[in-house]
Amino acid sequence: MMPNTIMSLGKCILDFSLMFWLSAQFFNRKWENRRWVPGAVIIVSSVILYFINSLCIPQLNTLAGLALSPAMIFILFNGHIWERLLCSAAEVLLELVCEFIPISVYSLIDQTSMASLTNETIRNAGFNLIGTCLFAIIVLSICHFVALRGEKENRDITITGNPAVMTVPLVSIGMIYYILFHASDAGTDQRAALQSIFILIGILLMNLVVILGEQNQRKHYQLQRELDRVSRLEQLNQTVIEQQDQYIQELKGLAHDYTKQLEGIKALIHTEHGGASIAHEVQTYTEDMLQHISESCRFAFIPSPALRTILSQTQLRCNASQITFNTDIQYADFSFISFPDIYTLFENPLENAVTACKEISDQEAPRSIHLSIVRKKNLVWVEIKNTKANRIILRNNEIQTTKEDSSRHGLGLKNMKRVVNRYGGYFNTEYTADEFTVTMALPVTEP
């Protein structure tokens, strides 16, 4: 009695756990703050189904499965009613198909009628366990496929499962078939039958431990992934703070220089001799000061601290490399875009543009970067255009990096495209022999 109870109850727990994880791929969970609720619902449903199974009425077992599966989904998940009903019906149907397959395979191999196969306890337990293993393989495959698709779309938290876990139910199926054929050869030996039952219980427990343990490991991985994401955000915040401090220090230095220059201009003006040459010198000083003031304050109006810092740093890099940095910024409120995504959308292409301009060796060739940000109706259009001399390398229709360390570079355009797609925007790159253009369109949403 006890082995049958362990087998039946363990199978029900594993089946409902697999249904829960399969449903979690398509619906949002309830009870996020009460993690014990899903486990309690699975245990209660398993106990109810176990007692119904003990009545040995196949039709009642099927009806119970059709009732308990939607009840579990409605209690634990949010979503449209018809979608949850359809999902629960598909799960029960899939489980029934998985339970029918082992008997069909065995009858074909052993040349035995299916009706005669269901009379022995060991065979029934083995067939049911094979059905659960098949169900586990299908569910784990679906979960892994959904995780891979989510990773391609780069959701905030992506948890890629370990496909090697599927080898456990696969190997279990082979072991159970071996036990069933061995039990058939052993005849009615009670000792052999008892050993087979205990081996089946061991296989069931192994699948429970491995599959449930894999799900717990995925939760730990999710938490670690979230901690890493928060850590990266903190690092970016710290970087922006440091860059803003550096920008403030540079402004203080410029203010000091302007003060000295003004004192020098005053001294020149009070000089009695020099006439035209002094006037020319004063005019030169004034023009230089106005240019420095314009460059220092040209991005002060931008409300986004991240974008303001990126543009200021780009201007400094351009000044150091004799690159002309032209901007036409008619819209700069990017509050609907997250902090790290602003860095992805602007820091990557501007850094690549500076690098491309620096590689122009022809002294007469222009070295310039042009940034345009305009809003047209509900779209913000961003265009970054730069001159270049390097050759564009394509591989699988994707632009490859020309930097030496390709393992650390070459991801900028891919990351930009990923972020633009996440916001439902448009991304395009165009290039000629001497110019490269990145165009983005982002729909404006209220923060």
Protein backbone atom coordinates (compact mmCIF):
# COMPACT_ATOMS: atom_id res chain seq x y z
CA MET A 1 0.00 0.00 0.00
CA MET A 2 2.74 2.45 0.94
CA PRO A 3 4.72 2.08 -2.35
CA ASN A 4 1.55 2.66 -4.38
CA THR A 5 0.77 5.76 -2.31
CA ILE A 6 4.28 7.17 -2.85
CA MET A 7 4.14 6.49 -6.57
CA SER A 8 0.68 7.94 -7.11
CA LEU A 9 1.11 11.01 -4.92
CA GLY A 10 4.62 11.73 -6.24
CA LYS A 11 3.39 11.48 -9.83
CA CYS A 12 0.53 13.90 -9.12
CA ILE A 13 2.92 16.40 -7.50
CA LEU A 14 5.31 16.25 -10.46
CA ASP A 15 2.46 16.57 -12.98
CA PHE A 16 0.95 19.63 -11.31
CA SER A 17 4.39 21.20 -10.86
CA LEU A 18 5.06 20.80 -14.58
CA MET A 19 1.65 22.31 -15.38
CA PHE A 20 2.47 25.25 -13.11
CA TRP A 21 5.82 25.95 -14.83
CA LEU A 22 4.30 25.57 -18.28
CA SER A 23 1.53 28.06 -17.42
CA ALA A 24 4.11 30.47 -15.98
CA GLN A 25 5.59 30.86 -19.47
CA PHE A 26 2.37 32.46 -20.75
CA PHE A 27 0.70 34.19 -17.78
CA ASN A 28 1.68 36.58 -15.02
CA ARG A 29 1.80 35.05 -11.57
CA LYS A 30 -0.29 36.04 -8.61
CA TRP A 31 0.90 35.85 -5.01
CA GLU A 32 4.39 37.20 -5.76
CA ASN A 33 4.77 38.17 -2.10
CA ARG A 34 3.51 34.80 -0.83
CA ARG A 35 5.73 32.19 -2.40
CA TRP A 36 4.20 29.37 -0.34
CA VAL A 37 0.82 29.70 -2.09
CA PRO A 38 1.81 27.91 -5.37
CA GLY A 39 3.34 25.02 -3.42
CA ALA A 40 0.25 24.72 -1.22
CA VAL A 41 -2.09 24.74 -4.22
CA ILE A 42 0.00 22.08 -5.99
CA ILE A 43 0.04 19.84 -2.89
CA VAL A 44 -3.73 20.18 -2.28
CA SER A 45 -4.51 19.49 -5.96
CA SER A 46 -2.19 16.46 -5.91
CA VAL A 47 -3.84 15.01 -2.79
CA ILE A 48 -7.32 15.48 -4.27
CA LEU A 49 -6.31 13.82 -7.54
CA TYR A 50 -4.61 10.98 -5.63
CA PHE A 51 -7.80 10.11 -3.74
CA ILE A 52 -9.81 10.26 -6.97
CA ASN A 53 -7.25 7.99 -8.68
CA SER A 54 -7.63 5.48 -5.83
CA LEU A 55 -11.25 4.93 -6.92
CA CYS A 56 -9.91 3.39 -10.18
CA ILE A 57 -12.50 5.09 -12.42
CA PRO A 58 -10.66 6.31 -15.56
CA GLN A 59 -13.45 8.68 -16.67
CA LEU A 60 -13.54 10.29 -13.23
CA ASN A 61 -9.74 10.68 -13.27
CA THR A 62 -9.93 12.56 -16.57
CA LEU A 63 -12.77 14.80 -15.36
CA ALA A 64 -10.83 15.54 -12.17
CA GLY A 65 -7.78 16.51 -14.19
CA LEU A 66 -9.90 18.76 -16.42
CA ALA A 67 -11.33 20.46 -13.31
CA LEU A 68 -8.20 20.75 -11.15
CA SER A 69 -5.92 22.12 -13.88
CA PRO A 70 -8.01 25.25 -14.65
CA ALA A 71 -8.70 25.71 -10.94
CA MET A 72 -4.95 25.83 -10.26
CA ILE A 73 -4.32 28.23 -13.17
CA PHE A 74 -7.17 30.55 -12.12
CA ILE A 75 -5.90 30.66 -8.54
CA LEU A 76 -2.22 31.22 -9.36
CA PHE A 77 -2.21 33.28 -12.59
CA ASN A 78 -3.71 36.39 -14.16
CA GLY A 79 -4.96 36.58 -17.72
CA HIS A 80 -8.00 36.38 -19.96
CA ILE A 81 -10.47 33.70 -18.90
CA TRP A 82 -10.64 31.96 -22.27
CA GLU A 83 -6.83 31.93 -22.58
CA ARG A 84 -6.42 30.27 -19.18
CA LEU A 85 -9.16 27.75 -19.97
CA LEU A 86 -7.53 26.92 -23.30
CA CYS A 87 -4.12 26.53 -21.65
CA SER A 88 -5.44 24.21 -18.93
CA ALA A 89 -7.32 22.07 -21.48
CA ALA A 90 -4.19 21.81 -23.64
CA GLU A 91 -2.10 20.75 -20.62
CA VAL A 92 -4.55 18.01 -19.60
CA LEU A 93 -4.83 16.79 -23.19
CA LEU A 94 -1.04 16.74 -23.51
CA GLU A 95 -0.73 14.76 -20.30
CA LEU A 96 -3.34 12.22 -21.47
CA VAL A 97 -1.49 11.77 -24.76
CA CYS A 98 1.77 11.25 -22.86
CA GLU A 99 0.13 8.57 -20.71
CA PHE A 100 -1.27 6.79 -23.77
CA ILE A 101 2.04 6.65 -25.65
CA PRO A 102 3.96 4.26 -23.28
CA ILE A 103 1.26 1.57 -23.43
CA SER A 104 1.13 1.80 -27.23
CA VAL A 105 4.91 1.48 -27.55
CA TYR A 106 5.04 -1.47 -25.17
CA SER A 107 2.21 -3.29 -26.94
CA LEU A 108 3.94 -2.86 -30.31
CA ILE A 109 7.25 -4.18 -28.98
CA ASP A 110 5.80 -7.06 -26.95
CA GLN A 111 3.01 -7.88 -29.43
CA THR A 112 0.47 -7.75 -26.58
CA SER A 113 -2.99 -6.25 -26.51
CA MET A 114 -3.29 -2.93 -24.70
CA ALA A 115 -6.17 -4.18 -22.55
CA SER A 116 -4.09 -6.99 -21.05
CA LEU A 117 -1.22 -4.65 -20.22
CA THR A 118 -3.23 -2.59 -17.72
CA ASN A 119 -3.92 -5.49 -15.34
CA GLU A 120 -0.59 -5.49 -13.51
CA THR A 121 0.28 -2.94 -10.81
CA ILE A 122 3.95 -2.72 -11.79
CA ARG A 123 3.15 -2.05 -15.42
CA ASN A 124 0.53 0.57 -14.59
CA ALA A 125 2.99 2.35 -12.29
CA GLY A 126 5.73 2.16 -14.92
CA PHE A 127 3.48 3.37 -17.75
CA ASN A 128 2.23 6.29 -15.66
CA LEU A 129 5.77 7.26 -14.75
CA ILE A 130 6.87 7.09 -18.41
CA GLY A 131 3.95 9.35 -19.30
CA THR A 132 5.05 11.86 -16.68
CA CYS A 133 8.65 11.73 -17.98
CA LEU A 134 7.41 12.42 -21.52
CA PHE A 135 5.31 15.30 -20.19
CA ALA A 136 8.38 16.64 -18.36
CA ILE A 137 10.50 16.50 -21.52
CA ILE A 138 7.88 18.44 -23.50
CA VAL A 139 7.37 21.04 -20.76
CA LEU A 140 11.12 21.55 -20.24
CA SER A 141 11.61 21.90 -24.00
CA ILE A 142 8.88 24.55 -24.24
CA CYS A 143 10.28 26.45 -21.25
CA HIS A 144 13.78 26.37 -22.74
CA PHE A 145 12.49 27.59 -26.12
CA VAL A 146 10.57 30.46 -24.49
CA ALA A 147 13.66 31.40 -22.46
CA LEU A 148 15.84 31.49 -25.58
CA ARG A 149 13.30 33.65 -27.41
CA GLY A 150 13.14 35.98 -24.41
CA GLU A 151 16.92 36.27 -24.37
CA LYS A 152 16.93 37.27 -28.04
CA GLU A 153 14.42 39.98 -27.24
CA ASN A 154 16.58 40.87 -24.22
CA ARG A 155 13.98 41.22 -21.54
CA ASP A 156 15.04 42.80 -18.30
CA ILE A 157 15.49 39.45 -16.57
CA THR A 158 16.08 36.40 -18.70
CA ILE A 159 16.56 33.01 -17.09
CA THR A 160 17.94 30.43 -19.47
CA GLY A 161 17.25 26.91 -18.26
CA ASN A 162 19.69 24.04 -18.42
CA PRO A 163 18.65 21.73 -21.30
CA ALA A 164 20.80 18.94 -19.83
CA VAL A 165 18.05 18.38 -17.22
CA MET A 166 15.98 16.71 -19.96
CA THR A 167 18.44 13.81 -20.01
CA VAL A 168 17.11 12.68 -16.59
CA PRO A 169 13.55 11.88 -17.75
CA LEU A 170 14.95 10.52 -21.03
CA VAL A 171 17.23 8.04 -19.25
CA SER A 172 14.41 7.29 -16.81
CA ILE A 173 12.15 6.17 -19.67
CA GLY A 174 14.76 3.67 -20.87
CA MET A 175 15.28 2.35 -17.34
CA ILE A 176 11.54 1.92 -16.77
CA TYR A 177 11.06 0.00 -20.03
CA TYR A 178 13.94 -2.26 -19.02
CA ILE A 179 12.31 -2.86 -15.62
CA LEU A 180 8.94 -3.61 -17.23
CA PHE A 181 10.38 -6.19 -19.63
CA HIS A 182 12.48 -7.67 -16.82
CA ALA A 183 9.40 -7.94 -14.59
CA SER A 184 7.55 -9.62 -17.45
CA ASP A 185 10.30 -12.24 -17.77
CA ALA A 186 10.40 -12.79 -13.99
CA GLY A 187 6.73 -13.81 -14.02
CA THR A 188 4.85 -13.59 -10.72
CA ASP A 189 7.87 -13.52 -8.39
CA GLN A 190 6.76 -11.23 -5.54
CA ARG A 191 10.32 -10.40 -4.56
CA ALA A 192 11.15 -9.26 -8.09
CA ALA A 193 7.92 -7.28 -8.25
CA LEU A 194 8.71 -5.54 -4.96
CA GLN A 195 12.21 -4.69 -6.16
CA SER A 196 10.77 -3.26 -9.39
CA ILE A 197 8.33 -1.08 -7.44
CA PHE A 198 11.09 0.33 -5.23
CA ILE A 199 13.28 1.02 -8.26
CA LEU A 200 10.37 2.87 -9.89
CA ILE A 201 9.91 4.88 -6.69
CA GLY A 202 13.62 5.74 -6.79
CA ILE A 203 13.32 6.88 -10.40
CA LEU A 204 10.30 9.00 -9.52
CA LEU A 205 12.11 10.64 -6.58
CA MET A 206 15.15 11.27 -8.78
CA ASN A 207 13.01 13.11 -11.32
CA LEU A 208 11.28 15.08 -8.56
CA VAL A 209 14.57 16.15 -6.99
CA VAL A 210 16.28 17.05 -10.29
CA ILE A 211 13.36 18.89 -11.89
CA LEU A 212 12.27 20.72 -8.73
CA GLY A 213 15.89 21.49 -7.93
CA GLU A 214 16.41 22.93 -11.41
CA GLN A 215 13.51 25.31 -10.90
CA ASN A 216 14.92 26.46 -7.56
CA GLN A 217 18.29 26.98 -9.23
CA ARG A 218 16.59 29.12 -11.86
CA LYS A 219 15.16 31.30 -9.07
CA HIS A 220 18.64 31.75 -7.57
CA TYR A 221 19.97 32.63 -11.00
CA GLN A 222 17.16 35.15 -11.44
CA LEU A 223 18.04 36.86 -8.16
CA GLN A 224 21.73 36.93 -9.08
CA ARG A 225 20.90 38.35 -12.50
CA GLU A 226 18.79 41.06 -10.88
CA LEU A 227 21.59 41.91 -8.43
CA ASP A 228 24.05 42.17 -11.31
CA ARG A 229 21.68 44.48 -13.18
CA VAL A 230 21.29 46.72 -10.12
CA SER A 231 25.05 46.73 -9.68
CA ARG A 232 25.55 47.84 -13.29
CA LEU A 233 23.02 50.63 -12.81
CA GLU A 234 24.88 51.79 -9.71
CA GLN A 235 28.16 51.78 -11.64
CA LEU A 236 26.59 53.83 -14.43
CA ASN A 237 25.17 56.27 -11.89
CA GLN A 238 28.58 56.60 -10.29
CA THR A 239 30.17 57.14 -13.70
CA VAL A 240 27.75 59.93 -14.53
CA ILE A 241 28.33 61.58 -11.15
CA GLU A 242 32.09 61.45 -11.70
CA GLN A 243 31.72 62.85 -15.22
CA GLN A 244 29.47 65.64 -13.96
CA ASP A 245 32.02 66.46 -11.24
CA GLN A 246 34.71 66.52 -13.89
CA TYR A 247 32.55 68.77 -16.05
CA ILE A 248 32.00 71.14 -13.11
CA GLN A 249 35.74 71.25 -12.44
CA GLU A 250 36.36 72.04 -16.09
CA LEU A 251 33.82 74.87 -15.94
CA LYS A 252 35.55 76.23 -12.82
CA GLY A 253 38.86 76.10 -14.66
CA LEU A 254 37.37 77.88 -17.64
CA ALA A 255 35.87 80.53 -15.35
CA HIS A 256 39.33 81.07 -13.83
CA ASP A 257 40.87 81.38 -17.29
CA TYR A 258 38.15 83.78 -18.41
CA THR A 259 38.81 85.97 -15.38
CA LYS A 260 42.51 86.18 -16.19
CA GLN A 261 41.77 86.88 -19.84
CA LEU A 262 39.34 89.66 -18.92
CA GLU A 263 41.99 91.18 -16.67
CA GLY A 264 44.42 91.00 -19.58
CA ILE A 265 41.92 92.67 -21.90
CA LYS A 266 41.37 95.44 -19.35
CA ALA A 267 45.13 95.98 -19.16
CA LEU A 268 45.37 96.15 -22.95
CA ILE A 269 42.53 98.63 -23.19
CA HIS A 270 44.24 100.96 -20.69
CA THR A 271 47.48 100.81 -22.64
CA GLU A 272 48.12 104.15 -24.32
CA HIS A 273 50.26 102.82 -27.16
CA GLY A 274 49.57 100.20 -29.76
CA GLY A 275 46.35 101.47 -31.32
CA ALA A 276 45.20 99.10 -34.12
CA SER A 277 47.31 96.13 -32.98
CA ILE A 278 45.79 96.29 -29.50
CA ALA A 279 42.27 96.48 -30.96
CA HIS A 280 42.99 93.42 -33.11
CA GLU A 281 44.38 91.53 -30.12
CA VAL A 282 41.36 92.41 -28.00
CA GLN A 283 39.05 91.25 -30.78
CA THR A 284 40.96 87.94 -31.05
CA TYR A 285 40.75 87.37 -27.29
CA THR A 286 37.04 88.15 -27.34
CA GLU A 287 36.28 85.74 -30.17
CA ASP A 288 38.23 82.94 -28.48
CA MET A 289 36.42 83.55 -25.20
CA LEU A 290 33.01 83.54 -26.88
CA GLN A 291 33.85 80.27 -28.64
CA HIS A 292 34.97 78.62 -25.38
CA ILE A 293 31.87 79.88 -23.56
CA SER A 294 29.64 78.59 -26.35
CA GLU A 295 31.27 75.15 -26.28
CA SER A 296 31.07 74.98 -22.48
CA CYS A 297 27.40 75.91 -22.26
CA ARG A 298 26.03 74.50 -25.52
CA PHE A 299 24.57 71.41 -23.78
CA ALA A 300 23.50 73.05 -20.51
CA PHE A 301 19.86 73.24 -21.69
CA ILE A 302 19.53 69.44 -22.09
CA PRO A 303 17.32 68.09 -19.25
CA SER A 304 18.70 64.53 -19.36
CA PRO A 305 21.85 64.34 -17.17
CA ALA A 306 23.04 61.21 -18.97
CA LEU A 307 22.68 62.73 -22.45
CA ARG A 308 24.18 66.05 -21.31
CA THR A 309 27.23 64.24 -19.93
CA ILE A 310 27.62 62.09 -23.05
CA LEU A 311 27.53 65.11 -25.36
CA SER A 312 29.93 67.12 -23.18
CA GLN A 313 32.42 64.26 -23.12
CA THR A 314 32.05 63.80 -26.89
CA GLN A 315 32.77 67.51 -27.39
CA LEU A 316 35.94 67.23 -25.30
CA ARG A 317 37.11 64.20 -27.28
CA CYS A 318 36.38 65.99 -30.55
CA ASN A 319 38.31 69.08 -29.43
CA ALA A 320 41.30 66.93 -28.50
CA SER A 321 41.29 65.22 -31.93
CA GLN A 322 40.46 68.27 -34.10
CA ILE A 323 37.03 66.88 -35.03
CA THR A 324 34.11 69.16 -35.79
CA PHE A 325 31.07 68.26 -33.67
CA ASN A 326 27.89 69.83 -35.03
CA THR A 327 24.55 69.42 -33.28
CA ASP A 328 20.97 70.25 -34.14
CA ILE A 329 19.06 69.36 -30.97
CA GLN A 330 15.41 70.44 -31.07
CA TYR A 331 14.20 67.83 -28.58
CA ALA A 332 16.10 66.54 -25.58
CA ASP A 333 13.54 65.24 -23.04
CA PHE A 334 14.31 61.53 -22.93
CA SER A 335 12.62 60.87 -19.58
CA PHE A 336 10.68 57.99 -21.17
CA ILE A 337 13.96 56.11 -21.76
CA SER A 338 15.77 54.40 -18.91
CA PHE A 339 19.19 55.59 -17.77
CA PRO A 340 21.33 52.70 -19.17
CA ASP A 341 19.41 52.72 -22.47
CA ILE A 342 20.34 56.38 -23.09
CA TYR A 343 23.98 55.37 -22.79
CA THR A 344 23.43 52.50 -25.21
CA LEU A 345 21.67 54.71 -27.79
CA PHE A 346 24.08 57.67 -27.72
CA GLU A 347 27.43 56.73 -26.15
CA ASN A 348 28.01 53.77 -28.51
CA PRO A 349 27.48 55.55 -31.86
CA LEU A 350 29.21 58.77 -30.80
CA GLU A 351 32.24 56.87 -29.53
CA ASN A 352 32.34 54.89 -32.80
CA ALA A 353 32.01 58.15 -34.76
CA VAL A 354 34.96 59.73 -32.92
CA THR A 355 37.04 56.59 -33.50
CA ALA A 356 36.17 56.57 -37.22
CA CYS A 357 37.07 60.27 -37.61
CA LYS A 358 40.40 59.79 -35.83
CA GLU A 359 41.33 57.09 -38.36
CA ILE A 360 41.13 59.60 -41.25
CA SER A 361 44.77 60.17 -42.14
CA ASP A 362 44.21 62.58 -45.04
CA GLN A 363 44.78 66.07 -43.65
CA GLU A 364 42.51 67.65 -46.27
CA ALA A 365 39.62 65.25 -45.70
CA PRO A 366 36.88 66.54 -43.37
CA ARG A 367 36.68 65.07 -39.87
CA SER A 368 33.19 65.83 -38.63
CA ILE A 369 30.28 64.42 -36.63
CA HIS A 370 26.74 65.68 -36.96
CA LEU A 371 24.01 64.87 -34.39
CA SER A 372 20.39 65.74 -35.11
CA ILE A 373 17.50 65.18 -32.66
CA VAL A 374 14.06 66.36 -33.74
CA ARG A 375 10.51 65.44 -32.81
CA LYS A 376 7.92 64.89 -35.51
CA LYS A 377 4.48 64.26 -34.04
CA ASN A 378 4.85 61.27 -31.72
CA LEU A 379 8.30 60.20 -32.94
CA VAL A 380 11.75 61.39 -31.92
CA TRP A 381 14.17 61.10 -34.84
CA VAL A 382 17.86 60.76 -34.02
CA GLU A 383 20.49 60.91 -36.77
CA ILE A 384 24.21 60.53 -36.13
CA LYS A 385 26.39 61.07 -39.19
CA ASN A 386 30.18 60.99 -39.33
CA THR A 387 32.91 61.01 -41.92
CA LYS A 388 35.15 57.98 -42.21
CA ALA A 389 37.94 56.36 -44.16
CA ASN A 390 37.85 52.78 -42.84
CA ARG A 391 36.27 49.95 -44.84
CA ILE A 392 32.98 48.44 -43.61
CA ILE A 393 33.23 44.69 -42.95
CA LEU A 394 30.04 42.63 -43.27
CA ARG A 395 29.50 39.11 -41.98
CA ASN A 396 26.06 37.46 -42.12
CA ASN A 397 24.62 40.87 -43.09
CA GLU A 398 25.95 42.38 -39.84
CA ILE A 399 28.58 45.09 -39.52
CA GLN A 400 31.71 43.79 -37.82
CA THR A 401 34.07 45.75 -35.60
CA THR A 402 37.45 46.85 -36.93
CA LYS A 403 38.96 47.14 -33.45
CA GLU A 404 41.70 44.76 -32.43
CA ASP A 405 39.88 43.14 -29.48
CA SER A 406 36.74 41.87 -31.22
CA SER A 407 35.62 40.00 -28.08
CA ARG A 408 35.03 43.28 -26.26
CA HIS A 409 33.87 45.37 -29.20
CA GLY A 410 31.40 45.06 -32.06
CA LEU A 411 28.29 44.84 -29.87
CA GLY A 412 27.36 48.55 -30.03
CA LEU A 413 25.07 48.44 -33.07
CA LYS A 414 23.46 45.18 -31.92
CA ASN A 415 22.74 46.65 -28.49
CA MET A 416 21.33 49.83 -30.05
CA LYS A 417 19.03 47.82 -32.30
CA ARG A 418 17.93 45.69 -29.35
CA VAL A 419 17.06 48.76 -27.25
CA VAL A 420 15.24 50.49 -30.13
CA ASN A 421 13.17 47.34 -30.75
CA ARG A 422 12.31 47.16 -27.06
CA TYR A 423 10.79 50.66 -27.23
CA GLY A 424 8.96 49.80 -30.44
CA GLY A 425 11.10 52.08 -32.59
CA TYR A 426 12.93 52.06 -35.91
CA PHE A 427 16.67 51.55 -36.46
CA ASN A 428 18.73 51.79 -39.65
CA THR A 429 22.36 52.20 -40.73
CA GLU A 430 23.62 53.54 -44.05
CA TYR A 431 27.14 54.09 -45.28
CA THR A 432 29.13 55.20 -48.28
CA ALA A 433 32.86 55.18 -48.93
CA ASP A 434 33.41 58.28 -46.79
CA GLU A 435 30.35 58.59 -44.55
CA PHE A 436 28.42 56.51 -42.01
CA THR A 437 24.88 57.31 -40.76
CA VAL A 438 22.83 55.86 -37.93
CA THR A 439 19.10 56.69 -37.87
CA MET A 440 16.71 55.94 -35.01
CA ALA A 441 13.05 56.74 -34.46
CA LEU A 442 11.59 56.34 -30.98
CA PRO A 443 7.90 56.73 -30.06
CA VAL A 444 7.45 59.26 -27.28
CA THR A 445 5.61 57.92 -24.22
CA GLU A 446 4.77 59.66 -20.99
CA PRO A 447 7.05 58.58 -18.11
